[in-house]
């Protein structure tokens, strides 16, 4: 008893939140932090689906000894955004929702498979 409780006290707990780098993005998700974490889930707002790219710097949240999830990607502050503005981007495509109600689209725009010019 004494030995096991002493070992538990002396063993440092692994962090609950840790920065990591994505190492596998297809057929499962893995990231490297203090060790490689595999089979990661992705935490995202309802209705939003995304997949990080290899080498993306992410924040991993440890759920328990067996499970962890990617909570987000490290992003530099974007001073081109207005306060309250939202920008969704993937490659050269983006949707900007501005506080005045304007919605700005960039990229090739299609509706029901037909391109809008």
N, C-alpha and C. Protein backbone atom coordinates (compact mmCIF):
# COMPACT_ATOMS: atom_id res chain seq x y z
N UNK A 1 0.83 -1.19 0.00
CA UNK A 1 0.00 0.00 0.00
C UNK A 1 0.88 1.26 0.00
N UNK A 2 1.82 1.31 0.96
CA UNK A 2 2.64 2.51 1.09
C UNK A 2 3.41 2.75 -0.19
N UNK A 3 3.97 1.69 -0.76
CA UNK A 3 4.78 1.83 -1.97
C UNK A 3 3.94 2.33 -3.15
N UNK A 4 2.76 1.76 -3.34
CA UNK A 4 1.93 2.18 -4.48
C UNK A 4 1.44 3.61 -4.30
N UNK A 5 1.10 4.03 -3.10
CA UNK A 5 0.66 5.41 -2.91
C UNK A 5 1.83 6.38 -3.08
N UNK A 6 3.05 5.97 -2.64
CA UNK A 6 4.23 6.82 -2.83
C UNK A 6 4.55 6.94 -4.31
N UNK A 7 4.44 5.85 -5.07
CA UNK A 7 4.72 5.89 -6.50
C UNK A 7 3.73 6.81 -7.21
N UNK A 8 2.45 6.74 -6.84
CA UNK A 8 1.44 7.59 -7.45
C UNK A 8 1.72 9.06 -7.17
N UNK A 9 2.19 9.36 -5.96
CA UNK A 9 2.50 10.74 -5.59
C UNK A 9 3.72 11.26 -6.33
N UNK A 10 4.72 10.41 -6.52
CA UNK A 10 5.98 10.82 -7.13
C UNK A 10 5.95 10.82 -8.66
N UNK A 11 4.94 10.18 -9.25
CA UNK A 11 4.84 10.12 -10.71
C UNK A 11 4.14 11.38 -11.20
N UNK A 12 4.84 12.19 -11.99
CA UNK A 12 4.19 13.41 -12.48
C UNK A 12 3.03 13.08 -13.40
N UNK A 13 1.94 13.80 -13.24
CA UNK A 13 0.77 13.60 -14.10
C UNK A 13 1.06 14.22 -15.47
N UNK A 14 0.59 13.55 -16.51
CA UNK A 14 0.77 14.14 -17.83
C UNK A 14 -0.21 15.30 -17.96
N UNK A 15 0.12 16.29 -18.76
CA UNK A 15 -0.73 17.48 -18.86
C UNK A 15 -2.09 17.16 -19.45
N UNK A 16 -3.09 17.95 -19.07
CA UNK A 16 -4.44 17.78 -19.60
C UNK A 16 -4.54 18.42 -20.98
N UNK A 17 -3.87 19.55 -21.18
CA UNK A 17 -3.85 20.22 -22.48
C UNK A 17 -2.40 20.38 -22.91
N UNK A 18 -2.11 20.07 -24.17
CA UNK A 18 -0.72 20.13 -24.63
C UNK A 18 -0.66 20.50 -26.10
N UNK A 19 0.35 21.28 -26.49
CA UNK A 19 0.54 21.55 -27.91
C UNK A 19 1.09 20.30 -28.59
N UNK A 20 0.72 20.12 -29.84
CA UNK A 20 1.19 18.95 -30.59
C UNK A 20 1.24 19.31 -32.07
N UNK A 21 1.90 18.44 -32.85
CA UNK A 21 2.00 18.61 -34.30
C UNK A 21 1.36 17.41 -34.96
N UNK A 22 0.47 17.64 -35.93
CA UNK A 22 -0.23 16.55 -36.62
C UNK A 22 0.78 15.75 -37.44
N UNK A 23 0.77 14.43 -37.25
CA UNK A 23 1.68 13.54 -37.98
C UNK A 23 0.94 12.65 -38.98
N UNK A 24 -0.32 12.34 -38.71
CA UNK A 24 -1.15 11.55 -39.62
C UNK A 24 -2.51 12.24 -39.71
N UNK A 25 -3.00 12.43 -40.95
CA UNK A 25 -4.27 13.13 -41.12
C UNK A 25 -5.30 12.29 -41.89
N UNK A 26 -4.86 11.20 -42.51
CA UNK A 26 -5.78 10.33 -43.24
C UNK A 26 -5.82 8.97 -42.57
N UNK A 27 -6.97 8.30 -42.67
CA UNK A 27 -7.13 6.98 -42.05
C UNK A 27 -6.82 7.02 -40.56
N UNK A 28 -7.40 7.97 -39.88
CA UNK A 28 -7.14 8.17 -38.46
C UNK A 28 -6.35 9.45 -38.27
N UNK A 29 -6.25 9.89 -37.07
CA UNK A 29 -5.57 11.14 -36.77
C UNK A 29 -4.55 10.90 -35.68
N UNK A 30 -3.34 11.41 -35.87
CA UNK A 30 -2.28 11.27 -34.87
C UNK A 30 -1.52 12.58 -34.76
N UNK A 31 -0.99 12.81 -33.56
CA UNK A 31 -0.21 14.03 -33.30
C UNK A 31 0.95 13.69 -32.38
N UNK A 32 2.03 14.45 -32.53
CA UNK A 32 3.22 14.25 -31.72
C UNK A 32 3.32 15.37 -30.70
N UNK A 33 3.35 14.99 -29.43
CA UNK A 33 3.57 15.94 -28.33
C UNK A 33 4.73 15.37 -27.54
N UNK A 34 4.52 14.99 -26.29
CA UNK A 34 5.56 14.32 -25.53
C UNK A 34 5.72 12.87 -26.01
N UNK A 35 4.68 12.38 -26.69
CA UNK A 35 4.68 11.06 -27.33
C UNK A 35 3.70 11.16 -28.49
N UNK A 36 3.72 10.17 -29.38
CA UNK A 36 2.73 10.21 -30.46
C UNK A 36 1.39 9.72 -29.93
N UNK A 37 0.37 10.50 -30.18
CA UNK A 37 -0.99 10.18 -29.76
C UNK A 37 -1.77 9.78 -31.00
N UNK A 38 -2.35 8.59 -30.99
CA UNK A 38 -3.08 8.08 -32.17
C UNK A 38 -4.55 7.93 -31.87
N UNK A 39 -5.34 7.86 -32.92
CA UNK A 39 -6.78 7.67 -32.78
C UNK A 39 -7.47 8.88 -32.15
N UNK A 40 -6.96 10.06 -32.44
CA UNK A 40 -7.50 11.28 -31.85
C UNK A 40 -8.87 11.62 -32.44
N UNK A 41 -9.72 12.16 -31.60
CA UNK A 41 -11.00 12.70 -32.05
C UNK A 41 -10.80 14.19 -32.29
N UNK A 42 -11.75 14.83 -32.94
CA UNK A 42 -11.67 16.27 -33.18
C UNK A 42 -12.84 16.94 -32.49
N UNK A 43 -12.55 17.93 -31.69
CA UNK A 43 -13.56 18.73 -31.01
C UNK A 43 -13.88 19.93 -31.89
N UNK A 44 -15.16 20.12 -32.23
CA UNK A 44 -15.56 21.23 -33.09
C UNK A 44 -16.98 21.65 -32.72
N UNK A 45 -17.35 22.89 -33.04
CA UNK A 45 -18.74 23.30 -32.81
C UNK A 45 -19.70 22.43 -33.61
N UNK A 46 -20.93 22.30 -33.14
CA UNK A 46 -21.94 21.50 -33.83
C UNK A 46 -22.10 21.93 -35.28
N UNK A 47 -22.17 20.99 -36.18
CA UNK A 47 -22.35 21.28 -37.59
C UNK A 47 -21.06 21.57 -38.34
N UNK A 48 -19.95 21.74 -37.63
CA UNK A 48 -18.67 22.05 -38.28
C UNK A 48 -17.84 20.77 -38.34
N UNK A 49 -17.33 20.48 -39.51
CA UNK A 49 -16.43 19.33 -39.68
C UNK A 49 -15.13 19.86 -40.28
N UNK A 50 -14.00 19.41 -39.77
CA UNK A 50 -12.71 19.82 -40.32
C UNK A 50 -11.70 18.74 -40.05
N UNK A 51 -10.64 18.76 -40.83
CA UNK A 51 -9.55 17.81 -40.65
C UNK A 51 -8.25 18.58 -40.74
N UNK A 52 -7.43 18.52 -39.70
CA UNK A 52 -6.16 19.24 -39.76
C UNK A 52 -5.21 18.61 -40.78
N UNK A 53 -4.26 19.44 -41.25
CA UNK A 53 -3.26 18.99 -42.21
C UNK A 53 -2.02 18.50 -41.46
N UNK A 54 -1.22 17.68 -42.11
CA UNK A 54 0.05 17.24 -41.52
C UNK A 54 0.90 18.47 -41.24
N UNK A 55 1.55 18.48 -40.09
CA UNK A 55 2.40 19.55 -39.57
C UNK A 55 1.63 20.71 -38.96
N UNK A 56 0.28 20.71 -38.99
CA UNK A 56 -0.47 21.75 -38.28
C UNK A 56 -0.14 21.67 -36.80
N UNK A 57 0.02 22.82 -36.18
CA UNK A 57 0.22 22.90 -34.73
C UNK A 57 -1.16 22.97 -34.09
N UNK A 58 -1.47 22.02 -33.20
CA UNK A 58 -2.81 21.92 -32.61
C UNK A 58 -2.72 21.86 -31.09
N UNK A 59 -3.87 22.03 -30.47
CA UNK A 59 -3.99 21.85 -29.03
C UNK A 59 -4.71 20.53 -28.80
N UNK A 60 -4.09 19.64 -28.03
CA UNK A 60 -4.67 18.33 -27.73
C UNK A 60 -5.14 18.34 -26.28
N UNK A 61 -6.37 17.91 -26.06
CA UNK A 61 -6.93 17.77 -24.72
C UNK A 61 -6.98 16.30 -24.35
N UNK A 62 -6.41 15.98 -23.23
CA UNK A 62 -6.42 14.59 -22.75
C UNK A 62 -7.74 14.34 -22.05
N UNK A 63 -8.46 13.28 -22.47
CA UNK A 63 -9.74 12.95 -21.86
C UNK A 63 -9.56 11.97 -20.70
N UNK A 64 -8.70 11.00 -20.87
CA UNK A 64 -8.35 10.03 -19.84
C UNK A 64 -7.04 9.38 -20.28
N UNK A 65 -6.66 8.29 -19.65
CA UNK A 65 -5.38 7.67 -20.00
C UNK A 65 -5.36 7.09 -21.42
N UNK A 66 -6.53 6.83 -21.99
CA UNK A 66 -6.60 6.18 -23.31
C UNK A 66 -7.00 7.12 -24.43
N UNK A 67 -7.71 8.21 -24.13
CA UNK A 67 -8.32 9.03 -25.18
C UNK A 67 -7.90 10.49 -25.09
N UNK A 68 -7.81 11.12 -26.27
CA UNK A 68 -7.50 12.54 -26.35
C UNK A 68 -8.19 13.09 -27.60
N UNK A 69 -8.33 14.41 -27.65
CA UNK A 69 -8.95 15.01 -28.83
C UNK A 69 -8.22 16.29 -29.21
N UNK A 70 -8.31 16.63 -30.49
CA UNK A 70 -7.74 17.87 -31.00
C UNK A 70 -8.80 18.95 -30.79
N UNK A 71 -8.43 20.00 -30.05
CA UNK A 71 -9.39 21.05 -29.71
C UNK A 71 -9.31 22.24 -30.66
N UNK A 72 -8.24 22.38 -31.39
CA UNK A 72 -8.13 23.51 -32.30
C UNK A 72 -6.73 23.61 -32.86
N UNK A 73 -6.57 24.54 -33.77
CA UNK A 73 -5.29 24.75 -34.44
C UNK A 73 -4.71 26.08 -33.97
N UNK A 74 -3.39 26.14 -33.87
CA UNK A 74 -2.73 27.37 -33.49
C UNK A 74 -2.82 28.35 -34.66
N UNK A 75 -3.39 29.52 -34.42
CA UNK A 75 -3.55 30.53 -35.46
C UNK A 75 -3.01 31.86 -34.96
N UNK A 76 -2.31 32.54 -35.83
CA UNK A 76 -1.82 33.88 -35.51
C UNK A 76 -3.00 34.84 -35.53
N UNK A 77 -2.97 35.88 -34.70
CA UNK A 77 -4.05 36.88 -34.77
C UNK A 77 -4.10 37.48 -36.17
N UNK A 78 -5.31 37.65 -36.70
CA UNK A 78 -5.49 38.21 -38.04
C UNK A 78 -5.99 39.64 -37.89
N UNK A 79 -5.09 40.59 -37.99
CA UNK A 79 -5.45 41.99 -37.81
C UNK A 79 -6.26 42.55 -38.97
N UNK A 80 -6.42 41.77 -40.05
CA UNK A 80 -7.25 42.25 -41.16
C UNK A 80 -8.73 42.06 -40.86
N UNK A 81 -9.06 41.26 -39.84
CA UNK A 81 -10.47 41.04 -39.48
C UNK A 81 -10.98 42.20 -38.63
N UNK A 82 -12.24 42.55 -38.85
CA UNK A 82 -12.89 43.54 -38.01
C UNK A 82 -13.31 42.88 -36.70
N UNK A 83 -13.43 43.64 -35.62
CA UNK A 83 -13.96 43.05 -34.39
C UNK A 83 -15.34 42.43 -34.66
N UNK A 84 -15.53 41.19 -34.28
CA UNK A 84 -16.79 40.49 -34.49
C UNK A 84 -16.90 39.78 -35.83
N UNK A 85 -15.93 39.95 -36.72
CA UNK A 85 -15.96 39.30 -38.03
C UNK A 85 -15.56 37.84 -37.91
N UNK A 86 -16.15 37.01 -38.78
CA UNK A 86 -15.82 35.58 -38.83
C UNK A 86 -15.32 35.28 -40.24
N UNK A 87 -14.23 34.51 -40.34
CA UNK A 87 -13.71 34.11 -41.65
C UNK A 87 -13.49 32.60 -41.62
N UNK A 88 -14.12 31.90 -42.54
CA UNK A 88 -13.90 30.46 -42.73
C UNK A 88 -13.07 30.33 -43.98
N UNK A 89 -11.98 29.59 -43.92
CA UNK A 89 -11.10 29.49 -45.08
C UNK A 89 -10.58 28.07 -45.25
N UNK A 90 -10.41 27.68 -46.50
CA UNK A 90 -9.77 26.42 -46.87
C UNK A 90 -9.07 26.65 -48.19
N UNK A 91 -7.75 26.64 -48.18
CA UNK A 91 -7.00 26.93 -49.40
C UNK A 91 -7.28 28.33 -49.88
N UNK A 92 -7.70 28.48 -51.15
CA UNK A 92 -8.00 29.80 -51.72
C UNK A 92 -9.45 30.21 -51.57
N UNK A 93 -10.27 29.38 -50.96
CA UNK A 93 -11.69 29.70 -50.79
C UNK A 93 -11.93 30.26 -49.38
N UNK A 94 -12.85 31.22 -49.29
CA UNK A 94 -13.19 31.74 -47.97
C UNK A 94 -14.59 32.33 -47.95
N UNK A 95 -15.15 32.34 -46.76
CA UNK A 95 -16.42 33.01 -46.48
C UNK A 95 -16.15 33.96 -45.34
N UNK A 96 -16.46 35.23 -45.56
CA UNK A 96 -16.30 36.24 -44.51
C UNK A 96 -17.69 36.74 -44.13
N UNK A 97 -17.98 36.72 -42.85
CA UNK A 97 -19.24 37.25 -42.33
C UNK A 97 -18.88 38.48 -41.52
N UNK A 98 -19.31 39.63 -42.01
CA UNK A 98 -18.94 40.90 -41.39
C UNK A 98 -20.03 41.37 -40.43
N UNK A 99 -19.63 42.16 -39.44
CA UNK A 99 -20.59 42.62 -38.44
C UNK A 99 -21.75 43.44 -39.01
N UNK A 100 -21.57 44.04 -40.19
CA UNK A 100 -22.65 44.86 -40.77
C UNK A 100 -23.67 44.01 -41.54
N UNK A 101 -23.48 42.68 -41.55
CA UNK A 101 -24.41 41.80 -42.24
C UNK A 101 -23.93 41.35 -43.61
N UNK A 102 -22.82 41.89 -44.09
CA UNK A 102 -22.27 41.50 -45.39
C UNK A 102 -21.68 40.10 -45.30
N UNK A 103 -21.93 39.31 -46.35
CA UNK A 103 -21.30 37.99 -46.49
C UNK A 103 -20.48 38.04 -47.76
N UNK A 104 -19.16 37.87 -47.64
CA UNK A 104 -18.25 37.95 -48.78
C UNK A 104 -17.70 36.57 -49.08
N UNK A 105 -17.84 36.14 -50.33
CA UNK A 105 -17.37 34.82 -50.76
C UNK A 105 -16.17 35.00 -51.68
N UNK A 106 -15.18 34.15 -51.55
CA UNK A 106 -14.03 34.16 -52.44
C UNK A 106 -13.76 32.73 -52.90
N UNK A 107 -13.40 32.57 -54.17
CA UNK A 107 -13.13 31.25 -54.73
C UNK A 107 -14.15 30.91 -55.80
N UNK A 108 -14.12 29.69 -56.26
CA UNK A 108 -15.09 29.23 -57.26
C UNK A 108 -16.39 28.92 -56.52
N UNK A 109 -17.48 29.55 -56.92
CA UNK A 109 -18.75 29.41 -56.22
C UNK A 109 -19.69 28.58 -57.08
N UNK A 110 -20.22 27.51 -56.50
CA UNK A 110 -21.20 26.67 -57.20
C UNK A 110 -22.43 26.51 -56.34
N UNK A 111 -23.59 26.44 -57.02
CA UNK A 111 -24.87 26.16 -56.35
C UNK A 111 -25.48 24.98 -57.08
N UNK A 112 -25.74 23.92 -56.34
CA UNK A 112 -26.29 22.68 -56.93
C UNK A 112 -25.46 22.22 -58.14
N UNK A 113 -24.14 22.35 -58.02
CA UNK A 113 -23.24 21.88 -59.08
C UNK A 113 -23.02 22.84 -60.23
N UNK A 114 -23.72 23.99 -60.22
CA UNK A 114 -23.57 24.97 -61.30
C UNK A 114 -22.77 26.15 -60.80
N UNK A 115 -21.73 26.52 -61.59
CA UNK A 115 -20.86 27.61 -61.21
C UNK A 115 -21.58 28.95 -61.38
N UNK A 116 -21.39 29.82 -60.40
CA UNK A 116 -21.92 31.18 -60.45
C UNK A 116 -20.76 32.11 -60.73
N UNK A 117 -20.93 33.00 -61.71
CA UNK A 117 -19.84 33.94 -62.03
C UNK A 117 -20.25 35.35 -61.74
